[in-house]
Amino acid sequence: MRRCEPSTMNVLNRKRPFALLTLFVVAGSRCRAEELLDLTRAERQRVLDVLRGPVARELNQKVVFKVNRFRARDGWAFLMGKPQQPGGKAVNYRLTRYAGAMREGMFDDGICALLRKTKGRWQIVTYVIGATDVVYEDWDKRYKAPAALFRLSNRAAD
């Protein structure tokens, strides 16, 4: 067995707390990232169902959502996707107030939505259909929602 010189041992002992701290920070970051996707399938469905009614009324037709991104954390949910008719058929935007914007090419058929769970029920905070820009850029500050919901990667602390 090789013995370390006292000066070497002191260096190793001084570095050990740093190594442990690094381990806890990395492990903690990973746990926070996993919290972004902590909803059960049934809970995720409840979020989509809460959003479905108002969006269907606004678009004057039944809708389902093709979800591209779904994040949840600390009682908040954020989703990006595309409303479509049941069966996957495209929404007929000529039947909506977006018809003119669609004709002029000033409309993207996506949806961004932010919901919050209050007293055990999901409620819509805001949603935007057809945005051609990043409408949720300030939602963390404006609505005091967790910023990690809106980051592009799945990591909580990029």
C-alpha atoms as a PDB file:
ATOM      1  CA  MET A   1       0.000   0.000   0.000  1.00  0.00           C
ATOM      2  CA  ARG A   2       1.351   3.369  -1.002  1.00  0.00           C
ATOM      3  CA  ARG A   3       1.385   6.015   1.663  1.00  0.00           C
ATOM      4  CA  CYS A   4       0.777   9.625   0.791  1.00  0.00           C
ATOM      5  CA  GLU A   5       3.056  12.236   2.164  1.00  0.00           C
ATOM      6  CA  PRO A   6       1.364  14.539   4.688  1.00  0.00           C
ATOM      7  CA  SER A   7       1.386  17.454   2.250  1.00  0.00           C
ATOM      8  CA  THR A   8      -0.311  15.291  -0.391  1.00  0.00           C
ATOM      9  CA  MET A   9      -2.933  14.134   2.093  1.00  0.00           C
ATOM     10  CA  ASN A  10      -3.747  17.740   3.004  1.00  0.00           C
ATOM     11  CA  VAL A  11      -4.290  18.598  -0.652  1.00  0.00           C
ATOM     12  CA  LEU A  12      -6.542  15.566  -1.137  1.00  0.00           C
ATOM     13  CA  ASN A  13      -8.554  16.359   1.995  1.00  0.00           C
ATOM     14  CA  ARG A  14      -8.997  19.957   0.889  1.00  0.00           C
ATOM     15  CA  LYS A  15     -10.239  18.839  -2.552  1.00  0.00           C
ATOM     16  CA  ARG A  16     -12.649  16.207  -1.218  1.00  0.00           C
ATOM     17  CA  PRO A  17     -15.305  18.705  -0.015  1.00  0.00           C
ATOM     18  CA  PHE A  18     -15.157  20.423  -3.401  1.00  0.00           C
ATOM     19  CA  ALA A  19     -15.619  17.089  -5.165  1.00  0.00           C
ATOM     20  CA  LEU A  20     -18.587  16.254  -2.926  1.00  0.00           C
ATOM     21  CA  LEU A  21     -20.095  19.682  -3.490  1.00  0.00           C
ATOM     22  CA  THR A  22     -19.714  19.229  -7.249  1.00  0.00           C
ATOM     23  CA  LEU A  23     -21.408  15.847  -7.015  1.00  0.00           C
ATOM     24  CA  PHE A  24     -24.368  17.289  -5.091  1.00  0.00           C
ATOM     25  CA  VAL A  25     -24.749  20.219  -7.487  1.00  0.00           C
ATOM     26  CA  VAL A  26     -24.721  17.949 -10.530  1.00  0.00           C
ATOM     27  CA  ALA A  27     -27.107  15.471  -8.888  1.00  0.00           C
ATOM     28  CA  GLY A  28     -29.373  18.326  -7.794  1.00  0.00           C
ATOM     29  CA  SER A  29     -29.444  19.772 -11.300  1.00  0.00           C
ATOM     30  CA  ARG A  30     -30.404  16.392 -12.704  1.00  0.00           C
ATOM     31  CA  CYS A  31     -33.257  16.042 -10.202  1.00  0.00           C
ATOM     32  CA  ARG A  32     -34.589  19.491 -11.076  1.00  0.00           C
ATOM     33  CA  ALA A  33     -34.467  18.600 -14.780  1.00  0.00           C
ATOM     34  CA  GLU A  34     -36.486  15.464 -14.140  1.00  0.00           C
ATOM     35  CA  GLU A  35     -39.093  17.532 -12.266  1.00  0.00           C
ATOM     36  CA  LEU A  36     -39.865  19.251 -15.547  1.00  0.00           C
ATOM     37  CA  LEU A  37     -41.628  16.110 -16.733  1.00  0.00           C
ATOM     38  CA  ASP A  38     -43.253  14.981 -13.497  1.00  0.00           C
ATOM     39  CA  LEU A  39     -46.920  14.750 -14.547  1.00  0.00           C
ATOM     40  CA  THR A  40     -48.678  11.448 -14.981  1.00  0.00           C
ATOM     41  CA  ARG A  41     -50.320  10.705 -18.284  1.00  0.00           C
ATOM     42  CA  ALA A  42     -53.748  11.339 -16.728  1.00  0.00           C
ATOM     43  CA  GLU A  43     -52.632  14.699 -15.311  1.00  0.00           C
ATOM     44  CA  ARG A  44     -51.172  15.716 -18.669  1.00  0.00           C
ATOM     45  CA  GLN A  45     -54.512  14.808 -20.267  1.00  0.00           C
ATOM     46  CA  ARG A  46     -56.323  17.026 -17.744  1.00  0.00           C
ATOM     47  CA  VAL A  47     -54.097  19.951 -18.734  1.00  0.00           C
ATOM     48  CA  LEU A  48     -54.888  19.410 -22.425  1.00  0.00           C
ATOM     49  CA  ASP A  49     -58.608  19.035 -21.702  1.00  0.00           C
ATOM     50  CA  VAL A  50     -58.699  22.366 -19.837  1.00  0.00           C
ATOM     51  CA  LEU A  51     -57.101  24.053 -22.850  1.00  0.00           C
ATOM     52  CA  ARG A  52     -59.189  22.222 -25.448  1.00  0.00           C
ATOM     53  CA  GLY A  53     -62.549  23.917 -24.700  1.00  0.00           C
ATOM     54  CA  PRO A  54     -61.491  27.550 -25.081  1.00  0.00           C
ATOM     55  CA  VAL A  55     -59.328  26.787 -28.124  1.00  0.00           C
ATOM     56  CA  ALA A  56     -62.138  24.852 -29.829  1.00  0.00           C
ATOM     57  CA  ARG A  57     -64.533  27.762 -29.215  1.00  0.00           C
ATOM     58  CA  GLU A  58     -62.006  30.251 -30.558  1.00  0.00           C
ATOM     59  CA  LEU A  59     -61.352  28.172 -33.687  1.00  0.00           C
ATOM     60  CA  ASN A  60     -65.039  27.276 -34.224  1.00  0.00           C
ATOM     61  CA  GLN A  61     -64.240  23.568 -34.532  1.00  0.00           C
ATOM     62  CA  LYS A  62     -63.281  20.545 -32.454  1.00  0.00           C
ATOM     63  CA  VAL A  63     -59.561  20.290 -31.742  1.00  0.00           C
ATOM     64  CA  VAL A  64     -56.944  17.951 -30.403  1.00  0.00           C
ATOM     65  CA  PHE A  65     -53.331  18.932 -29.863  1.00  0.00           C
ATOM     66  CA  LYS A  66     -50.215  17.594 -31.486  1.00  0.00           C
ATOM     67  CA  VAL A  67     -47.832  18.429 -28.645  1.00  0.00           C
ATOM     68  CA  ASN A  68     -44.225  19.216 -29.533  1.00  0.00           C
ATOM     69  CA  ARG A  69     -43.133  20.248 -26.055  1.00  0.00           C
ATOM     70  CA  PHE A  70     -44.783  19.728 -22.709  1.00  0.00           C
ATOM     71  CA  ARG A  71     -43.198  20.836 -19.468  1.00  0.00           C
ATOM     72  CA  ALA A  72     -44.513  20.893 -15.912  1.00  0.00           C
ATOM     73  CA  ARG A  73     -42.952  22.112 -12.697  1.00  0.00           C
ATOM     74  CA  ASP A  74     -44.119  23.398  -9.330  1.00  0.00           C
ATOM     75  CA  GLY A  75     -47.806  23.483 -10.291  1.00  0.00           C
ATOM     76  CA  TRP A  76     -47.193  25.072 -13.697  1.00  0.00           C
ATOM     77  CA  ALA A  77     -47.508  23.553 -17.176  1.00  0.00           C
ATOM     78  CA  PHE A  78     -46.241  24.929 -20.480  1.00  0.00           C
ATOM     79  CA  LEU A  79     -46.921  23.440 -23.870  1.00  0.00           C
ATOM     80  CA  MET A  80     -46.113  24.134 -27.458  1.00  0.00           C
ATOM     81  CA  GLY A  81     -47.844  22.324 -30.241  1.00  0.00           C
ATOM     82  CA  LYS A  82     -50.339  22.499 -33.019  1.00  0.00           C
ATOM     83  CA  PRO A  83     -54.114  22.405 -32.794  1.00  0.00           C
ATOM     84  CA  GLN A  84     -55.643  20.016 -35.293  1.00  0.00           C
ATOM     85  CA  GLN A  85     -58.990  18.418 -35.888  1.00  0.00           C
ATOM     86  CA  PRO A  86     -59.663  14.972 -34.429  1.00  0.00           C
ATOM     87  CA  GLY A  87     -58.125  12.415 -36.757  1.00  0.00           C
ATOM     88  CA  GLY A  88     -55.154  14.678 -37.490  1.00  0.00           C
ATOM     89  CA  LYS A  89     -56.774  16.824 -40.170  1.00  0.00           C
ATOM     90  CA  ALA A  90     -55.547  20.443 -40.279  1.00  0.00           C
ATOM     91  CA  VAL A  91     -57.638  23.133 -38.625  1.00  0.00           C
ATOM     92  CA  ASN A  92     -59.630  25.136 -41.170  1.00  0.00           C
ATOM     93  CA  TYR A  93     -58.467  28.634 -40.272  1.00  0.00           C
ATOM     94  CA  ARG A  94     -60.798  30.153 -42.891  1.00  0.00           C
ATOM     95  CA  LEU A  95     -63.543  29.607 -40.292  1.00  0.00           C
ATOM     96  CA  THR A  96     -61.674  31.633 -37.676  1.00  0.00           C
ATOM     97  CA  ARG A  97     -60.713  35.198 -36.912  1.00  0.00           C
ATOM     98  CA  TYR A  98     -57.216  34.253 -38.124  1.00  0.00           C
ATOM     99  CA  ALA A  99     -58.280  33.865 -41.771  1.00  0.00           C
ATOM    100  CA  GLY A 100     -56.874  37.256 -42.854  1.00  0.00           C
ATOM    101  CA  ALA A 101     -53.553  36.773 -41.081  1.00  0.00           C
ATOM    102  CA  MET A 102     -53.289  33.298 -42.609  1.00  0.00           C
ATOM    103  CA  ARG A 103     -53.881  34.678 -46.125  1.00  0.00           C
ATOM    104  CA  GLU A 104     -51.222  37.353 -45.600  1.00  0.00           C
ATOM    105  CA  GLY A 105     -48.657  34.855 -44.311  1.00  0.00           C
ATOM    106  CA  MET A 106     -48.611  36.499 -40.873  1.00  0.00           C
ATOM    107  CA  PHE A 107     -49.784  33.405 -39.025  1.00  0.00           C
ATOM    108  CA  ASP A 108     -48.165  30.228 -37.748  1.00  0.00           C
ATOM    109  CA  ASP A 109     -50.631  27.474 -36.906  1.00  0.00           C
ATOM    110  CA  GLY A 110     -48.957  26.648 -33.584  1.00  0.00           C
ATOM    111  CA  ILE A 111     -50.083  27.218 -30.024  1.00  0.00           C
ATOM    112  CA  CYS A 112     -48.187  28.135 -26.867  1.00  0.00           C
ATOM    113  CA  ALA A 113     -50.008  27.817 -23.557  1.00  0.00           C
ATOM    114  CA  LEU A 114     -49.273  28.341 -19.892  1.00  0.00           C
ATOM    115  CA  LEU A 115     -51.471  26.803 -17.199  1.00  0.00           C
ATOM    116  CA  ARG A 116     -51.315  26.767 -13.420  1.00  0.00           C
ATOM    117  CA  LYS A 117     -52.732  24.351 -10.908  1.00  0.00           C
ATOM    118  CA  THR A 118     -54.643  26.234  -8.214  1.00  0.00           C
ATOM    119  CA  LYS A 119     -56.627  24.532  -5.458  1.00  0.00           C
ATOM    120  CA  GLY A 120     -56.231  21.198  -7.229  1.00  0.00           C
ATOM    121  CA  ARG A 121     -57.486  22.397 -10.626  1.00  0.00           C
ATOM    122  CA  TRP A 122     -55.626  23.403 -13.763  1.00  0.00           C
ATOM    123  CA  GLN A 123     -56.443  26.880 -15.032  1.00  0.00           C
ATOM    124  CA  ILE A 124     -55.318  28.650 -18.165  1.00  0.00           C
ATOM    125  CA  VAL A 125     -53.014  31.560 -17.447  1.00  0.00           C
ATOM    126  CA  THR A 126     -52.567  32.487 -21.101  1.00  0.00           C
ATOM    127  CA  TYR A 127     -52.320  30.987 -24.561  1.00  0.00           C
ATOM    128  CA  VAL A 128     -51.476  32.294 -27.999  1.00  0.00           C
ATOM    129  CA  ILE A 129     -52.404  30.770 -31.344  1.00  0.00           C
ATOM    130  CA  GLY A 130     -50.599  31.655 -34.539  1.00  0.00           C
ATOM    131  CA  ALA A 131     -47.649  33.613 -33.154  1.00  0.00           C
ATOM    132  CA  THR A 132     -44.817  34.119 -35.602  1.00  0.00           C
ATOM    133  CA  ASP A 133     -42.408  35.082 -32.816  1.00  0.00           C
ATOM    134  CA  VAL A 134     -41.383  33.706 -29.414  1.00  0.00           C
ATOM    135  CA  VAL A 135     -44.413  34.887 -27.452  1.00  0.00           C
ATOM    136  CA  TYR A 136     -43.434  33.112 -24.238  1.00  0.00           C
ATOM    137  CA  GLU A 137     -40.063  34.852 -23.925  1.00  0.00           C
ATOM    138  CA  ASP A 138     -41.140  36.930 -20.901  1.00  0.00           C
ATOM    139  CA  TRP A 139     -43.793  34.618 -19.430  1.00  0.00           C
ATOM    140  CA  ASP A 140     -41.526  33.605 -16.549  1.00  0.00           C
ATOM    141  CA  LYS A 141     -41.308  37.222 -15.394  1.00  0.00           C
ATOM    142  CA  ARG A 142     -44.776  38.369 -16.398  1.00  0.00           C
ATOM    143  CA  TYR A 143     -46.599  35.445 -14.765  1.00  0.00           C
ATOM    144  CA  LYS A 144     -43.920  34.466 -12.209  1.00  0.00           C
ATOM    145  CA  ALA A 145     -43.666  30.968 -13.696  1.00  0.00           C
ATOM    146  CA  PRO A 146     -40.514  28.836 -13.381  1.00  0.00           C
ATOM    147  CA  ALA A 147     -38.037  29.916 -16.069  1.00  0.00           C
ATOM    148  CA  ALA A 148     -36.996  26.285 -16.642  1.00  0.00           C
ATOM    149  CA  LEU A 149     -40.363  25.644 -18.332  1.00  0.00           C
ATOM    150  CA  PHE A 150     -39.381  27.803 -21.277  1.00  0.00           C
ATOM    151  CA  ARG A 151     -35.782  26.703 -21.915  1.00  0.00           C
ATOM    152  CA  LEU A 152     -35.094  24.881 -25.150  1.00  0.00           C
ATOM    153  CA  SER A 153     -33.161  21.979 -23.648  1.00  0.00           C
ATOM    154  CA  ASN A 154     -34.427  19.476 -21.076  1.00  0.00           C
ATOM    155  CA  ARG A 155     -31.853  20.579 -18.528  1.00  0.00           C
ATOM    156  CA  ALA A 156     -33.115  22.786 -15.704  1.00  0.00           C
ATOM    157  CA  ALA A 157     -29.978  24.930 -15.509  1.00  0.00           C
ATOM    158  CA  ASP A 158     -28.439  25.665 -18.901  1.00  0.00           C
END
